[in-house]
């Protein structure tokens, strides 16, 4: 079975969301997928249905964008989307 974050990544890309970059060893995570476009509703709904994922959002600051994320702390993988204005 595909890991939860990878399910979200596959769905997001099938909906036309562009992948900005992939970062390795970022904080507590082995892999973080940074997406270029805001999170579609379908991705948000699937993420909330997957019990192994934790939702988090960040208001941003002068140096970092506001974003929303789904985190898989056990596998140490995350996916991050810029917050829609």
PDB file of N, CA and C in Angstrom:
ATOM      1  N   UNK A   1       0.836  -1.191   0.000  1.00  0.00           N
ATOM      2  CA  UNK A   1       0.000   0.000   0.000  1.00  0.00           C
ATOM      3  C   UNK A   1       0.877   1.250   0.000  1.00  0.00           C
ATOM      4  N   UNK A   2       0.462   2.251  -0.750  1.00  0.00           N
ATOM      5  CA  UNK A   2       1.205   3.495  -0.853  1.00  0.00           C
ATOM      6  C   UNK A   2       1.097   4.268   0.468  1.00  0.00           C
ATOM      7  N   UNK A   3       2.223   4.835   0.923  1.00  0.00           N
ATOM      8  CA  UNK A   3       2.221   5.635   2.142  1.00  0.00           C
ATOM      9  C   UNK A   3       1.292   6.839   1.973  1.00  0.00           C
ATOM     10  N   UNK A   4       0.774   7.331   3.084  1.00  0.00           N
ATOM     11  CA  UNK A   4      -0.258   8.369   3.063  1.00  0.00           C
ATOM     12  C   UNK A   4       0.181   9.648   2.355  1.00  0.00           C
ATOM     13  N   UNK A   5       1.355  10.169   2.671  1.00  0.00           N
ATOM     14  CA  UNK A   5       1.804  11.412   2.031  1.00  0.00           C
ATOM     15  C   UNK A   5       1.959  11.210   0.534  1.00  0.00           C
ATOM     16  N   UNK A   6       2.447  10.058   0.129  1.00  0.00           N
ATOM     17  CA  UNK A   6       2.599   9.789  -1.297  1.00  0.00           C
ATOM     18  C   UNK A   6       1.236   9.711  -1.995  1.00  0.00           C
ATOM     19  N   UNK A   7       0.204   9.243  -1.277  1.00  0.00           N
ATOM     20  CA  UNK A   7      -1.153   9.261  -1.838  1.00  0.00           C
ATOM     21  C   UNK A   7      -1.600  10.696  -2.102  1.00  0.00           C
ATOM     22  N   UNK A   8      -1.319  11.583  -1.147  1.00  0.00           N
ATOM     23  CA  UNK A   8      -1.678  12.993  -1.330  1.00  0.00           C
ATOM     24  C   UNK A   8      -0.890  13.616  -2.475  1.00  0.00           C
ATOM     25  N   UNK A   9       0.385  13.289  -2.565  1.00  0.00           N
ATOM     26  CA  UNK A   9       1.231  13.807  -3.642  1.00  0.00           C
ATOM     27  C   UNK A   9       0.695  13.372  -4.999  1.00  0.00           C
ATOM     28  N   UNK A  10       0.369  12.097  -5.128  1.00  0.00           N
ATOM     29  CA  UNK A  10      -0.149  11.576  -6.396  1.00  0.00           C
ATOM     30  C   UNK A  10      -1.464  12.255  -6.765  1.00  0.00           C
ATOM     31  N   UNK A  11      -2.367  12.401  -5.790  1.00  0.00           N
ATOM     32  CA  UNK A  11      -3.646  13.056  -6.050  1.00  0.00           C
ATOM     33  C   UNK A  11      -3.431  14.516  -6.438  1.00  0.00           C
ATOM     34  N   UNK A  12      -2.609  15.224  -5.694  1.00  0.00           N
ATOM     35  CA  UNK A  12      -2.358  16.642  -5.989  1.00  0.00           C
ATOM     36  C   UNK A  12      -1.821  16.819  -7.403  1.00  0.00           C
ATOM     37  N   UNK A  13      -0.851  16.014  -7.776  1.00  0.00           N
ATOM     38  CA  UNK A  13      -0.266  16.139  -9.115  1.00  0.00           C
ATOM     39  C   UNK A  13      -1.279  15.767 -10.194  1.00  0.00           C
ATOM     40  N   UNK A  14      -2.161  14.808  -9.910  1.00  0.00           N
ATOM     41  CA  UNK A  14      -3.189  14.455 -10.897  1.00  0.00           C
ATOM     42  C   UNK A  14      -4.196  15.590 -11.086  1.00  0.00           C
ATOM     43  N   UNK A  15      -4.300  16.467 -10.091  1.00  0.00           N
ATOM     44  CA  UNK A  15      -5.195  17.623 -10.159  1.00  0.00           C
ATOM     45  C   UNK A  15      -4.490  18.865 -10.710  1.00  0.00           C
ATOM     46  N   UNK A  16      -3.240  18.691 -11.122  1.00  0.00           N
ATOM     47  CA  UNK A  16      -2.510  19.794 -11.737  1.00  0.00           C
ATOM     48  C   UNK A  16      -1.660  20.626 -10.799  1.00  0.00           C
ATOM     49  N   UNK A  17      -1.538  20.219  -9.544  1.00  0.00           N
ATOM     50  CA  UNK A  17      -0.687  20.944  -8.607  1.00  0.00           C
ATOM     51  C   UNK A  17       0.771  20.642  -8.948  1.00  0.00           C
ATOM     52  N   UNK A  18       1.551  21.698  -9.054  1.00  0.00           N
ATOM     53  CA  UNK A  18       2.961  21.536  -9.420  1.00  0.00           C
ATOM     54  C   UNK A  18       3.826  21.324  -8.178  1.00  0.00           C
ATOM     55  N   UNK A  19       4.805  20.434  -8.312  1.00  0.00           N
ATOM     56  CA  UNK A  19       5.773  20.196  -7.251  1.00  0.00           C
ATOM     57  C   UNK A  19       6.868  21.250  -7.385  1.00  0.00           C
ATOM     58  N   UNK A  20       7.101  21.998  -6.314  1.00  0.00           N
ATOM     59  CA  UNK A  20       8.127  23.038  -6.333  1.00  0.00           C
ATOM     60  C   UNK A  20       9.510  22.442  -6.110  1.00  0.00           C
ATOM     61  N   UNK A  21       9.641  21.667  -5.043  1.00  0.00           N
ATOM     62  CA  UNK A  21      10.924  21.049  -4.727  1.00  0.00           C
ATOM     63  C   UNK A  21      10.700  19.916  -3.728  1.00  0.00           C
ATOM     64  N   UNK A  22      11.713  19.097  -3.568  1.00  0.00           N
ATOM     65  CA  UNK A  22      11.714  18.045  -2.554  1.00  0.00           C
ATOM     66  C   UNK A  22      12.948  18.275  -1.698  1.00  0.00           C
ATOM     67  N   UNK A  23      12.745  18.338  -0.395  1.00  0.00           N
ATOM     68  CA  UNK A  23      13.845  18.603   0.523  1.00  0.00           C
ATOM     69  C   UNK A  23      14.077  17.365   1.374  1.00  0.00           C
ATOM     70  N   UNK A  24      15.337  16.992   1.530  1.00  0.00           N
ATOM     71  CA  UNK A  24      15.709  15.864   2.389  1.00  0.00           C
ATOM     72  C   UNK A  24      16.272  16.388   3.703  1.00  0.00           C
ATOM     73  N   UNK A  25      16.022  15.634   4.758  1.00  0.00           N
ATOM     74  CA  UNK A  25      16.561  15.949   6.083  1.00  0.00           C
ATOM     75  C   UNK A  25      16.271  17.383   6.500  1.00  0.00           C
ATOM     76  N   UNK A  26      14.978  17.716   6.558  1.00  0.00           N
ATOM     77  CA  UNK A  26      14.530  19.044   6.975  1.00  0.00           C
ATOM     78  C   UNK A  26      13.914  18.920   8.363  1.00  0.00           C
ATOM     79  N   UNK A  27      14.601  19.404   9.360  1.00  0.00           N
ATOM     80  CA  UNK A  27      14.118  19.285  10.736  1.00  0.00           C
ATOM     81  C   UNK A  27      13.965  17.828  11.129  1.00  0.00           C
ATOM     82  N   UNK A  28      12.780  17.465  11.598  1.00  0.00           N
ATOM     83  CA  UNK A  28      12.504  16.094  12.034  1.00  0.00           C
ATOM     84  C   UNK A  28      12.110  15.165  10.890  1.00  0.00           C
ATOM     85  N   UNK A  29      12.080  15.680   9.673  1.00  0.00           N
ATOM     86  CA  UNK A  29      11.557  14.910   8.545  1.00  0.00           C
ATOM     87  C   UNK A  29      12.653  14.494   7.570  1.00  0.00           C
ATOM     88  N   UNK A  30      12.534  13.251   7.080  1.00  0.00           N
ATOM     89  CA  UNK A  30      13.469  12.752   6.056  1.00  0.00           C
ATOM     90  C   UNK A  30      13.187  13.403   4.721  1.00  0.00           C
ATOM     91  N   UNK A  31      11.892  13.584   4.405  1.00  0.00           N
ATOM     92  CA  UNK A  31      11.498  14.126   3.104  1.00  0.00           C
ATOM     93  C   UNK A  31      10.318  15.074   3.276  1.00  0.00           C
ATOM     94  N   UNK A  32      10.412  16.242   2.627  1.00  0.00           N
ATOM     95  CA  UNK A  32       9.299  17.190   2.579  1.00  0.00           C
ATOM     96  C   UNK A  32       9.067  17.556   1.122  1.00  0.00           C
ATOM     97  N   UNK A  33       7.847  17.347   0.669  1.00  0.00           N
ATOM     98  CA  UNK A  33       7.445  17.747  -0.684  1.00  0.00           C
ATOM     99  C   UNK A  33       6.844  19.149  -0.584  1.00  0.00           C
ATOM    100  N   UNK A  34       7.477  20.125  -1.216  1.00  0.00           N
ATOM    101  CA  UNK A  34       6.982  21.498  -1.242  1.00  0.00           C
ATOM    102  C   UNK A  34       6.248  21.688  -2.560  1.00  0.00           C
ATOM    103  N   UNK A  35       4.972  21.997  -2.461  1.00  0.00           N
ATOM    104  CA  UNK A  35       4.150  22.173  -3.650  1.00  0.00           C
ATOM    105  C   UNK A  35       4.078  23.657  -4.013  1.00  0.00           C
ATOM    106  N   UNK A  36       3.908  23.941  -5.306  1.00  0.00           N
ATOM    107  CA  UNK A  36       3.902  25.320  -5.794  1.00  0.00           C
ATOM    108  C   UNK A  36       2.521  25.959  -5.755  1.00  0.00           C
ATOM    109  N   UNK A  37       1.475  25.158  -5.674  1.00  0.00           N
ATOM    110  CA  UNK A  37       0.101  25.656  -5.746  1.00  0.00           C
ATOM    111  C   UNK A  37      -0.657  25.305  -4.468  1.00  0.00           C
ATOM    112  N   UNK A  38      -1.707  26.071  -4.142  1.00  0.00           N
ATOM    113  CA  UNK A  38      -2.498  25.786  -2.938  1.00  0.00           C
ATOM    114  C   UNK A  38      -3.120  24.383  -2.947  1.00  0.00           C
ATOM    115  N   UNK A  39      -3.441  23.912  -1.760  1.00  0.00           N
ATOM    116  CA  UNK A  39      -4.001  22.577  -1.581  1.00  0.00           C
ATOM    117  C   UNK A  39      -5.440  22.502  -2.101  1.00  0.00           C
ATOM    118  N   UNK A  40      -5.708  21.605  -3.036  1.00  0.00           N
ATOM    119  CA  UNK A  40      -7.090  21.416  -3.500  1.00  0.00           C
ATOM    120  C   UNK A  40      -7.957  20.773  -2.405  1.00  0.00           C
ATOM    121  N   UNK A  41      -9.242  21.027  -2.476  1.00  0.00           N
ATOM    122  CA  UNK A  41     -10.189  20.472  -1.513  1.00  0.00           C
ATOM    123  C   UNK A  41     -10.102  18.948  -1.458  1.00  0.00           C
ATOM    124  N   UNK A  42      -9.944  18.298  -2.608  1.00  0.00           N
ATOM    125  CA  UNK A  42      -9.876  16.830  -2.650  1.00  0.00           C
ATOM    126  C   UNK A  42      -8.681  16.304  -1.860  1.00  0.00           C
ATOM    127  N   UNK A  43      -7.561  17.011  -1.914  1.00  0.00           N
ATOM    128  CA  UNK A  43      -6.366  16.607  -1.164  1.00  0.00           C
ATOM    129  C   UNK A  43      -6.612  16.803   0.330  1.00  0.00           C
ATOM    130  N   UNK A  44      -7.202  17.938   0.695  1.00  0.00           N
ATOM    131  CA  UNK A  44      -7.501  18.212   2.106  1.00  0.00           C
ATOM    132  C   UNK A  44      -8.430  17.135   2.680  1.00  0.00           C
ATOM    133  N   UNK A  45      -9.462  16.772   1.933  1.00  0.00           N
ATOM    134  CA  UNK A  45     -10.413  15.762   2.414  1.00  0.00           C
ATOM    135  C   UNK A  45      -9.752  14.399   2.571  1.00  0.00           C
ATOM    136  N   UNK A  46      -8.946  13.993   1.586  1.00  0.00           N
ATOM    137  CA  UNK A  46      -8.255  12.709   1.696  1.00  0.00           C
ATOM    138  C   UNK A  46      -7.284  12.727   2.871  1.00  0.00           C
ATOM    139  N   UNK A  47      -6.532  13.810   3.022  1.00  0.00           N
ATOM    140  CA  UNK A  47      -5.583  13.918   4.127  1.00  0.00           C
ATOM    141  C   UNK A  47      -6.254  13.788   5.482  1.00  0.00           C
ATOM    142  N   UNK A  48      -7.413  14.379   5.622  1.00  0.00           N
ATOM    143  CA  UNK A  48      -8.141  14.293   6.896  1.00  0.00           C
ATOM    144  C   UNK A  48      -8.708  12.900   7.130  1.00  0.00           C
ATOM    145  N   UNK A  49      -8.937  12.141   6.066  1.00  0.00           N
ATOM    146  CA  UNK A  49      -9.443  10.771   6.194  1.00  0.00           C
ATOM    147  C   UNK A  49      -8.351   9.765   6.540  1.00  0.00           C
ATOM    148  N   UNK A  50      -7.100  10.110   6.306  1.00  0.00           N
ATOM    149  CA  UNK A  50      -5.981   9.192   6.559  1.00  0.00           C
ATOM    150  C   UNK A  50      -5.493   9.396   7.992  1.00  0.00           C
ATOM    151  N   UNK A  51      -5.776   8.424   8.854  1.00  0.00           N
ATOM    152  CA  UNK A  51      -5.540   8.583  10.293  1.00  0.00           C
ATOM    153  C   UNK A  51      -4.071   8.761  10.664  1.00  0.00           C
ATOM    154  N   UNK A  52      -3.157   8.323   9.821  1.00  0.00           N
ATOM    155  CA  UNK A  52      -1.742   8.439  10.158  1.00  0.00           C
ATOM    156  C   UNK A  52      -1.194   9.846   9.926  1.00  0.00           C
ATOM    157  N   UNK A  53      -2.006  10.731   9.350  1.00  0.00           N
ATOM    158  CA  UNK A  53      -1.544  12.080   9.043  1.00  0.00           C
ATOM    159  C   UNK A  53      -2.037  13.098  10.061  1.00  0.00           C
ATOM    160  N   UNK A  54      -1.209  14.097  10.276  1.00  0.00           N
ATOM    161  CA  UNK A  54      -1.536  15.227  11.144  1.00  0.00           C
ATOM    162  C   UNK A  54      -1.559  16.483  10.274  1.00  0.00           C
ATOM    163  N   UNK A  55      -2.590  17.289  10.419  1.00  0.00           N
ATOM    164  CA  UNK A  55      -2.696  18.550   9.677  1.00  0.00           C
ATOM    165  C   UNK A  55      -2.043  19.656  10.494  1.00  0.00           C
ATOM    166  N   UNK A  56      -1.333  20.537   9.815  1.00  0.00           N
ATOM    167  CA  UNK A  56      -0.733  21.701  10.469  1.00  0.00           C
ATOM    168  C   UNK A  56      -0.772  22.875   9.507  1.00  0.00           C
ATOM    169  N   UNK A  57      -0.873  24.075  10.053  1.00  0.00           N
ATOM    170  CA  UNK A  57      -0.812  25.266   9.210  1.00  0.00           C
ATOM    171  C   UNK A  57       0.092  26.293   9.877  1.00  0.00           C
ATOM    172  N   UNK A  58       0.628  27.184   9.066  1.00  0.00           N
ATOM    173  CA  UNK A  58       1.585  28.185   9.519  1.00  0.00           C
ATOM    174  C   UNK A  58       1.181  29.521   8.918  1.00  0.00           C
ATOM    175  N   UNK A  59       1.080  30.534   9.738  1.00  0.00           N
ATOM    176  CA  UNK A  59       0.638  31.855   9.285  1.00  0.00           C
ATOM    177  C   UNK A  59       1.671  32.570   8.418  1.00  0.00           C
ATOM    178  N   UNK A  60       2.916  32.151   8.473  1.00  0.00           N
ATOM    179  CA  UNK A  60       3.962  32.814   7.707  1.00  0.00           C
ATOM    180  C   UNK A  60       4.568  33.968   8.485  1.00  0.00           C
ATOM    181  N   UNK A  61       5.641  34.493   7.957  1.00  0.00           N
ATOM    182  CA  UNK A  61       6.326  35.639   8.535  1.00  0.00           C
ATOM    183  C   UNK A  61       7.017  36.374   7.388  1.00  0.00           C
ATOM    184  N   UNK A  62       7.735  37.438   7.663  1.00  0.00           N
ATOM    185  CA  UNK A  62       8.357  38.180   6.556  1.00  0.00           C
ATOM    186  C   UNK A  62       9.328  37.353   5.705  1.00  0.00           C
ATOM    187  N   UNK A  63       9.804  36.241   6.242  1.00  0.00           N
ATOM    188  CA  UNK A  63      10.800  35.444   5.527  1.00  0.00           C
ATOM    189  C   UNK A  63      10.281  34.113   4.990  1.00  0.00           C
ATOM    190  N   UNK A  64       9.114  33.678   5.448  1.00  0.00           N
ATOM    191  CA  UNK A  64       8.571  32.371   5.071  1.00  0.00           C
ATOM    192  C   UNK A  64       7.099  32.496   4.700  1.00  0.00           C
ATOM    193  N   UNK A  65       6.708  31.757   3.682  1.00  0.00           N
ATOM    194  CA  UNK A  65       5.325  31.805   3.216  1.00  0.00           C
ATOM    195  C   UNK A  65       4.374  31.155   4.222  1.00  0.00           C
ATOM    196  N   UNK A  66       3.135  31.604   4.191  1.00  0.00           N
ATOM    197  CA  UNK A  66       2.083  30.921   4.949  1.00  0.00           C
ATOM    198  C   UNK A  66       1.793  29.613   4.218  1.00  0.00           C
ATOM    199  N   UNK A  67       1.688  28.522   4.971  1.00  0.00           N
ATOM    200  CA  UNK A  67       1.437  27.245   4.314  1.00  0.00           C
ATOM    201  C   UNK A  67       0.575  26.348   5.173  1.00  0.00           C
ATOM    202  N   UNK A  68       0.154  25.251   4.553  1.00  0.00           N
ATOM    203  CA  UNK A  68      -0.571  24.207   5.269  1.00  0.00           C
ATOM    204  C   UNK A  68       0.009  22.874   4.837  1.00  0.00           C
ATOM    205  N   UNK A  69       0.019  21.945   5.781  1.00  0.00           N
ATOM    206  CA  UNK A  69       0.783  20.719   5.599  1.00  0.00           C
ATOM    207  C   UNK A  69       0.032  19.509   6.132  1.00  0.00           C
ATOM    208  N   UNK A  70       0.413  18.359   5.602  1.00  0.00           N
ATOM    209  CA  UNK A  70       0.067  17.096   6.227  1.00  0.00           C
ATOM    210  C   UNK A  70       1.380  16.414   6.567  1.00  0.00           C
ATOM    211  N   UNK A  71       1.461  15.922   7.804  1.00  0.00           N
ATOM    212  CA  UNK A  71       2.685  15.338   8.337  1.00  0.00           C
ATOM    213  C   UNK A  71       2.455  13.882   8.708  1.00  0.00           C
ATOM    214  N   UNK A  72       3.391  13.030   8.329  1.00  0.00           N
ATOM    215  CA  UNK A  72       3.410  11.641   8.785  1.00  0.00           C
ATOM    216  C   UNK A  72       4.639  11.524   9.674  1.00  0.00           C
ATOM    217  N   UNK A  73       4.434  11.706  10.966  1.00  0.00           N
ATOM    218  CA  UNK A  73       5.565  11.735  11.903  1.00  0.00           C
ATOM    219  C   UNK A  73       6.246  10.372  12.029  1.00  0.00           C
ATOM    220  N   UNK A  74       5.492   9.280  11.904  1.00  0.00           N
ATOM    221  CA  UNK A  74       6.100   7.953  12.008  1.00  0.00           C
ATOM    222  C   UNK A  74       7.061   7.683  10.858  1.00  0.00           C
ATOM    223  N   UNK A  75       6.663   8.020   9.661  1.00  0.00           N
ATOM    224  CA  UNK A  75       7.521   7.811   8.486  1.00  0.00           C
ATOM    225  C   UNK A  75       8.460   8.980   8.229  1.00  0.00           C
ATOM    226  N   UNK A  76       8.214  10.105   8.958  1.00  0.00           N
ATOM    227  CA  UNK A  76       9.035  11.315   8.838  1.00  0.00           C
ATOM    228  C   UNK A  76       8.989  11.893   7.420  1.00  0.00           C
ATOM    229  N   UNK A  77       7.759  11.989   6.895  1.00  0.00           N
ATOM    230  CA  UNK A  77       7.521  12.539   5.559  1.00  0.00           C
ATOM    231  C   UNK A  77       6.400  13.570   5.679  1.00  0.00           C
ATOM    232  N   UNK A  78       6.509  14.661   4.912  1.00  0.00           N
ATOM    233  CA  UNK A  78       5.483  15.706   4.942  1.00  0.00           C
ATOM    234  C   UNK A  78       5.249  16.253   3.543  1.00  0.00           C
ATOM    235  N   UNK A  79       4.088  16.888   3.374  1.00  0.00           N
ATOM    236  CA  UNK A  79       3.765  17.587   2.135  1.00  0.00           C
ATOM    237  C   UNK A  79       3.248  18.965   2.537  1.00  0.00           C
ATOM    238  N   UNK A  80       3.740  19.999   1.847  1.00  0.00           N
ATOM    239  CA  UNK A  80       3.428  21.378   2.201  1.00  0.00           C
ATOM    240  C   UNK A  80       2.906  22.140   0.991  1.00  0.00           C
ATOM    241  N   UNK A  81       1.822  22.874   1.203  1.00  0.00           N
ATOM    242  CA  UNK A  81       1.194  23.678   0.152  1.00  0.00           C
ATOM    243  C   UNK A  81       1.151  25.130   0.605  1.00  0.00           C
ATOM    244  N   UNK A  82       1.370  26.089  -0.301  1.00  0.00           N
ATOM    245  CA  UNK A  82       1.192  27.487   0.089  1.00  0.00           C
ATOM    246  C   UNK A  82      -0.278  27.738   0.410  1.00  0.00           C
ATOM    247  N   UNK A  83      -0.526  28.558   1.408  1.00  0.00           N
ATOM    248  CA  UNK A  83      -1.915  28.889   1.746  1.00  0.00           C
ATOM    249  C   UNK A  83      -2.475  29.834   0.709  1.00  0.00           C
ATOM    250  N   UNK A  84      -3.710  29.595   0.333  1.00  0.00           N
ATOM    251  CA  UNK A  84      -4.387  30.491  -0.607  1.00  0.00           C
ATOM    252  C   UNK A  84      -4.635  31.820   0.094  1.00  0.00           C
ATOM    253  N   UNK A  85      -4.506  32.895  -0.627  1.00  0.00           N
ATOM    254  CA  UNK A  85      -4.700  34.237  -0.039  1.00  0.00           C
ATOM    255  C   UNK A  85      -6.134  34.484   0.312  1.00  0.00           C
TER     256      UNK A  85
END
